[in-house]
Amino acid sequence: MIPDPDKRIYFAEKFQNFDVAIDTIVNILRDRLQLENLRRRMPHDHPAFNKATSLLE
């Protein structure tokens, strides 16, 4: 696992493993704005899009 949260999010997004990126943002960084920005960048038909949406509500 990558210890640096920003690098972890970068590589998770690069390989479209959005669940790892979401978990890192929610549990480690606790940054709502970054989660909103990630949600805008991910494809709307990806299953993680719904997870991000439910966490933002």
PDB file of N, CA and C in Angstrom:
ATOM      1  N   MET A   1       0.844  -1.179   0.000  1.00  0.00           N
ATOM      2  CA  MET A   1       0.000   0.000   0.000  1.00  0.00           C
ATOM      3  C   MET A   1       0.889   1.241   0.000  1.00  0.00           C
ATOM      4  N   ILE A   2       0.415   2.262  -0.624  1.00  0.00           N
ATOM      5  CA  ILE A   2       1.156   3.514  -0.739  1.00  0.00           C
ATOM      6  C   ILE A   2       0.868   4.360   0.506  1.00  0.00           C
ATOM      7  N   PRO A   3       1.904   4.744   1.265  1.00  0.00           N
ATOM      8  CA  PRO A   3       1.670   5.468   2.517  1.00  0.00           C
ATOM      9  C   PRO A   3       1.200   6.920   2.330  1.00  0.00           C
ATOM     10  N   ASP A   4       1.609   7.579   1.262  1.00  0.00           N
ATOM     11  CA  ASP A   4       1.226   8.975   1.034  1.00  0.00           C
ATOM     12  C   ASP A   4      -0.198   9.023   0.471  1.00  0.00           C
ATOM     13  N   PRO A   5      -1.131   9.664   1.180  1.00  0.00           N
ATOM     14  CA  PRO A   5      -2.534   9.671   0.727  1.00  0.00           C
ATOM     15  C   PRO A   5      -2.736  10.311  -0.647  1.00  0.00           C
ATOM     16  N   ASP A   6      -2.006  11.383  -0.937  1.00  0.00           N
ATOM     17  CA  ASP A   6      -2.180  12.041  -2.233  1.00  0.00           C
ATOM     18  C   ASP A   6      -1.723  11.149  -3.381  1.00  0.00           C
ATOM     19  N   LYS A   7      -0.614  10.451  -3.185  1.00  0.00           N
ATOM     20  CA  LYS A   7      -0.142   9.517  -4.216  1.00  0.00           C
ATOM     21  C   LYS A   7      -1.098   8.337  -4.349  1.00  0.00           C
ATOM     22  N   ARG A   8      -1.646   7.889  -3.228  1.00  0.00           N
ATOM     23  CA  ARG A   8      -2.595   6.771  -3.261  1.00  0.00           C
ATOM     24  C   ARG A   8      -3.826   7.151  -4.073  1.00  0.00           C
ATOM     25  N   ILE A   9      -4.327   8.364  -3.868  1.00  0.00           N
ATOM     26  CA  ILE A   9      -5.492   8.835  -4.618  1.00  0.00           C
ATOM     27  C   ILE A   9      -5.145   8.967  -6.098  1.00  0.00           C
ATOM     28  N   TYR A  10      -3.960   9.502  -6.381  1.00  0.00           N
ATOM     29  CA  TYR A  10      -3.533   9.675  -7.774  1.00  0.00           C
ATOM     30  C   TYR A  10      -3.507   8.338  -8.513  1.00  0.00           C
ATOM     31  N   PHE A  11      -2.843   7.342  -7.916  1.00  0.00           N
ATOM     32  CA  PHE A  11      -2.732   6.051  -8.593  1.00  0.00           C
ATOM     33  C   PHE A  11      -4.065   5.303  -8.626  1.00  0.00           C
ATOM     34  N   ALA A  12      -4.871   5.443  -7.605  1.00  0.00           N
ATOM     35  CA  ALA A  12      -6.186   4.803  -7.611  1.00  0.00           C
ATOM     36  C   ALA A  12      -7.044   5.372  -8.733  1.00  0.00           C
ATOM     37  N   GLU A  13      -6.969   6.677  -8.912  1.00  0.00           N
ATOM     38  CA  GLU A  13      -7.741   7.304  -9.985  1.00  0.00           C
ATOM     39  C   GLU A  13      -7.165   6.932 -11.356  1.00  0.00           C
ATOM     40  N   LYS A  14      -5.852   6.853 -11.448  1.00  0.00           N
ATOM     41  CA  LYS A  14      -5.204   6.507 -12.713  1.00  0.00           C
ATOM     42  C   LYS A  14      -5.619   5.113 -13.187  1.00  0.00           C
ATOM     43  N   PHE A  15      -5.728   4.166 -12.240  1.00  0.00           N
ATOM     44  CA  PHE A  15      -6.110   2.805 -12.591  1.00  0.00           C
ATOM     45  C   PHE A  15      -7.602   2.548 -12.390  1.00  0.00           C
ATOM     46  N   GLN A  16      -8.370   3.609 -12.218  1.00  0.00           N
ATOM     47  CA  GLN A  16      -9.823   3.593 -12.051  1.00  0.00           C
ATOM     48  C   GLN A  16     -10.274   2.686 -10.913  1.00  0.00           C
ATOM     49  N   ASN A  17      -9.517   2.699  -9.839  1.00  0.00           N
ATOM     50  CA  ASN A  17      -9.909   1.998  -8.618  1.00  0.00           C
ATOM     51  C   ASN A  17     -10.457   3.063  -7.662  1.00  0.00           C
ATOM     52  N   PHE A  18     -11.643   3.550  -7.991  1.00  0.00           N
ATOM     53  CA  PHE A  18     -12.202   4.692  -7.283  1.00  0.00           C
ATOM     54  C   PHE A  18     -12.582   4.369  -5.843  1.00  0.00           C
ATOM     55  N   ASP A  19     -12.837   3.105  -5.527  1.00  0.00           N
ATOM     56  CA  ASP A  19     -13.164   2.737  -4.147  1.00  0.00           C
ATOM     57  C   ASP A  19     -12.008   3.049  -3.201  1.00  0.00           C
ATOM     58  N   VAL A  20     -10.781   2.790  -3.637  1.00  0.00           N
ATOM     59  CA  VAL A  20      -9.604   3.100  -2.817  1.00  0.00           C
ATOM     60  C   VAL A  20      -9.474   4.611  -2.648  1.00  0.00           C
ATOM     61  N   ALA A  21      -9.693   5.348  -3.718  1.00  0.00           N
ATOM     62  CA  ALA A  21      -9.608   6.804  -3.643  1.00  0.00           C
ATOM     63  C   ALA A  21     -10.668   7.363  -2.696  1.00  0.00           C
ATOM     64  N   ILE A  22     -11.877   6.853  -2.780  1.00  0.00           N
ATOM     65  CA  ILE A  22     -12.958   7.317  -1.905  1.00  0.00           C
ATOM     66  C   ILE A  22     -12.642   6.996  -0.449  1.00  0.00           C
ATOM     67  N   ASP A  23     -12.208   5.768  -0.181  1.00  0.00           N
ATOM     68  CA  ASP A  23     -11.878   5.385   1.197  1.00  0.00           C
ATOM     69  C   ASP A  23     -10.749   6.234   1.763  1.00  0.00           C
ATOM     70  N   THR A  24      -9.759   6.543   0.948  1.00  0.00           N
ATOM     71  CA  THR A  24      -8.647   7.377   1.402  1.00  0.00           C
ATOM     72  C   THR A  24      -9.124   8.784   1.730  1.00  0.00           C
ATOM     73  N   ILE A  25      -9.948   9.344   0.874  1.00  0.00           N
ATOM     74  CA  ILE A  25     -10.444  10.704   1.109  1.00  0.00           C
ATOM     75  C   ILE A  25     -11.334  10.750   2.345  1.00  0.00           C
ATOM     76  N   VAL A  26     -12.207   9.776   2.494  1.00  0.00           N
ATOM     77  CA  VAL A  26     -13.174   9.790   3.596  1.00  0.00           C
ATOM     78  C   VAL A  26     -12.509   9.467   4.933  1.00  0.00           C
ATOM     79  N   ASN A  27     -11.686   8.421   4.965  1.00  0.00           N
ATOM     80  CA  ASN A  27     -11.156   7.940   6.241  1.00  0.00           C
ATOM     81  C   ASN A  27      -9.854   8.603   6.675  1.00  0.00           C
ATOM     82  N   ILE A  28      -9.023   9.014   5.734  1.00  0.00           N
ATOM     83  CA  ILE A  28      -7.726   9.575   6.110  1.00  0.00           C
ATOM     84  C   ILE A  28      -7.731  11.098   6.012  1.00  0.00           C
ATOM     85  N   LEU A  29      -8.125  11.627   4.864  1.00  0.00           N
ATOM     86  CA  LEU A  29      -8.080  13.076   4.674  1.00  0.00           C
ATOM     87  C   LEU A  29      -9.307  13.790   5.231  1.00  0.00           C
ATOM     88  N   ARG A  30     -10.451  13.134   5.187  1.00  0.00           N
ATOM     89  CA  ARG A  30     -11.722  13.721   5.648  1.00  0.00           C
ATOM     90  C   ARG A  30     -11.972  15.084   4.995  1.00  0.00           C
ATOM     91  N   ASP A  31     -11.920  15.060   3.670  1.00  0.00           N
ATOM     92  CA  ASP A  31     -12.021  16.286   2.887  1.00  0.00           C
ATOM     93  C   ASP A  31     -13.215  16.180   1.937  1.00  0.00           C
ATOM     94  N   ARG A  32     -14.285  16.855   2.283  1.00  0.00           N
ATOM     95  CA  ARG A  32     -15.511  16.785   1.489  1.00  0.00           C
ATOM     96  C   ARG A  32     -15.322  17.386   0.095  1.00  0.00           C
ATOM     97  N   LEU A  33     -14.600  18.481   0.012  1.00  0.00           N
ATOM     98  CA  LEU A  33     -14.384  19.139  -1.273  1.00  0.00           C
ATOM     99  C   LEU A  33     -13.601  18.237  -2.227  1.00  0.00           C
ATOM    100  N   GLN A  34     -12.615  17.537  -1.720  1.00  0.00           N
ATOM    101  CA  GLN A  34     -11.843  16.629  -2.565  1.00  0.00           C
ATOM    102  C   GLN A  34     -12.703  15.457  -3.046  1.00  0.00           C
ATOM    103  N   LEU A  35     -13.613  14.998  -2.198  1.00  0.00           N
ATOM    104  CA  LEU A  35     -14.532  13.932  -2.606  1.00  0.00           C
ATOM    105  C   LEU A  35     -15.487  14.426  -3.693  1.00  0.00           C
ATOM    106  N   GLU A  36     -15.959  15.651  -3.567  1.00  0.00           N
ATOM    107  CA  GLU A  36     -16.823  16.228  -4.603  1.00  0.00           C
ATOM    108  C   GLU A  36     -16.079  16.347  -5.930  1.00  0.00           C
ATOM    109  N   ASN A  37     -14.824  16.769  -5.872  1.00  0.00           N
ATOM    110  CA  ASN A  37     -14.031  16.899  -7.101  1.00  0.00           C
ATOM    111  C   ASN A  37     -13.761  15.541  -7.738  1.00  0.00           C
ATOM    112  N   LEU A  38     -13.482  14.535  -6.924  1.00  0.00           N
ATOM    113  CA  LEU A  38     -13.275  13.186  -7.451  1.00  0.00           C
ATOM    114  C   LEU A  38     -14.543  12.684  -8.127  1.00  0.00           C
ATOM    115  N   ARG A  39     -15.672  12.932  -7.507  1.00  0.00           N
ATOM    116  CA  ARG A  39     -16.956  12.490  -8.068  1.00  0.00           C
ATOM    117  C   ARG A  39     -17.208  13.126  -9.430  1.00  0.00           C
ATOM    118  N   ARG A  40     -16.817  14.384  -9.596  1.00  0.00           N
ATOM    119  CA  ARG A  40     -16.990  15.054 -10.891  1.00  0.00           C
ATOM    120  C   ARG A  40     -16.108  14.435 -11.972  1.00  0.00           C
ATOM    121  N   ARG A  41     -14.936  13.942 -11.573  1.00  0.00           N
ATOM    122  CA  ARG A  41     -13.989  13.383 -12.551  1.00  0.00           C
ATOM    123  C   ARG A  41     -14.288  11.934 -12.926  1.00  0.00           C
ATOM    124  N   MET A  42     -15.012  11.210 -12.093  1.00  0.00           N
ATOM    125  CA  MET A  42     -15.242   9.793 -12.396  1.00  0.00           C
ATOM    126  C   MET A  42     -16.437   9.618 -13.334  1.00  0.00           C
ATOM    127  N   PRO A  43     -16.422   8.526 -14.115  1.00  0.00           N
ATOM    128  CA  PRO A  43     -17.545   8.265 -15.029  1.00  0.00           C
ATOM    129  C   PRO A  43     -18.842   8.048 -14.249  1.00  0.00           C
ATOM    130  N   HIS A  44     -19.929   8.579 -14.785  1.00  0.00           N
ATOM    131  CA  HIS A  44     -21.210   8.500 -14.081  1.00  0.00           C
ATOM    132  C   HIS A  44     -21.787   7.091 -14.037  1.00  0.00           C
ATOM    133  N   ASP A  45     -21.321   6.212 -14.904  1.00  0.00           N
ATOM    134  CA  ASP A  45     -21.835   4.844 -14.886  1.00  0.00           C
ATOM    135  C   ASP A  45     -20.986   3.903 -14.028  1.00  0.00           C
ATOM    136  N   HIS A  46     -19.956   4.424 -13.390  1.00  0.00           N
ATOM    137  CA  HIS A  46     -19.102   3.602 -12.520  1.00  0.00           C
ATOM    138  C   HIS A  46     -19.832   3.364 -11.190  1.00  0.00           C
ATOM    139  N   PRO A  47     -19.762   2.139 -10.645  1.00  0.00           N
ATOM    140  CA  PRO A  47     -20.453   1.850  -9.373  1.00  0.00           C
ATOM    141  C   PRO A  47     -19.986   2.729  -8.210  1.00  0.00           C
ATOM    142  N   ALA A  48     -18.739   3.167  -8.236  1.00  0.00           N
ATOM    143  CA  ALA A  48     -18.227   4.008  -7.156  1.00  0.00           C
ATOM    144  C   ALA A  48     -18.852   5.403  -7.176  1.00  0.00           C
ATOM    145  N   PHE A  49     -19.399   5.807  -8.309  1.00  0.00           N
ATOM    146  CA  PHE A  49     -20.070   7.105  -8.399  1.00  0.00           C
ATOM    147  C   PHE A  49     -21.236   7.156  -7.415  1.00  0.00           C
ATOM    148  N   ASN A  50     -21.998   6.075  -7.333  1.00  0.00           N
ATOM    149  CA  ASN A  50     -23.127   6.019  -6.399  1.00  0.00           C
ATOM    150  C   ASN A  50     -22.645   6.034  -4.952  1.00  0.00           C
ATOM    151  N   LYS A  51     -21.524   5.377  -4.683  1.00  0.00           N
ATOM    152  CA  LYS A  51     -20.958   5.376  -3.332  1.00  0.00           C
ATOM    153  C   LYS A  51     -20.547   6.788  -2.933  1.00  0.00           C
ATOM    154  N   ALA A  52     -19.884   7.494  -3.834  1.00  0.00           N
ATOM    155  CA  ALA A  52     -19.465   8.866  -3.551  1.00  0.00           C
ATOM    156  C   ALA A  52     -20.678   9.767  -3.339  1.00  0.00           C
ATOM    157  N   THR A  53     -21.705   9.571  -4.152  1.00  0.00           N
ATOM    158  CA  THR A  53     -22.920  10.372  -4.018  1.00  0.00           C
ATOM    159  C   THR A  53     -23.586  10.140  -2.670  1.00  0.00           C
ATOM    160  N   SER A  54     -23.673   8.889  -2.248  1.00  0.00           N
ATOM    161  CA  SER A  54     -24.318   8.599  -0.962  1.00  0.00           C
ATOM    162  C   SER A  54     -23.498   9.132   0.206  1.00  0.00           C
ATOM    163  N   LEU A  55     -22.181   9.142   0.088  1.00  0.00           N
ATOM    164  CA  LEU A  55     -21.350   9.688   1.164  1.00  0.00           C
ATOM    165  C   LEU A  55     -21.457  11.209   1.249  1.00  0.00           C
ATOM    166  N   LEU A  56     -21.749  11.844   0.132  1.00  0.00           N
ATOM    167  CA  LEU A  56     -21.867  13.300   0.130  1.00  0.00           C
ATOM    168  C   LEU A  56     -23.228  13.777   0.635  1.00  0.00           C
ATOM    169  N   GLU A  57     -24.203  12.894   0.701  1.00  0.00           N
ATOM    170  CA  GLU A  57     -25.541  13.304   1.148  1.00  0.00           C
ATOM    171  C   GLU A  57     -25.634  13.396   2.641  1.00  0.00           C
TER     172      GLU A  57
END
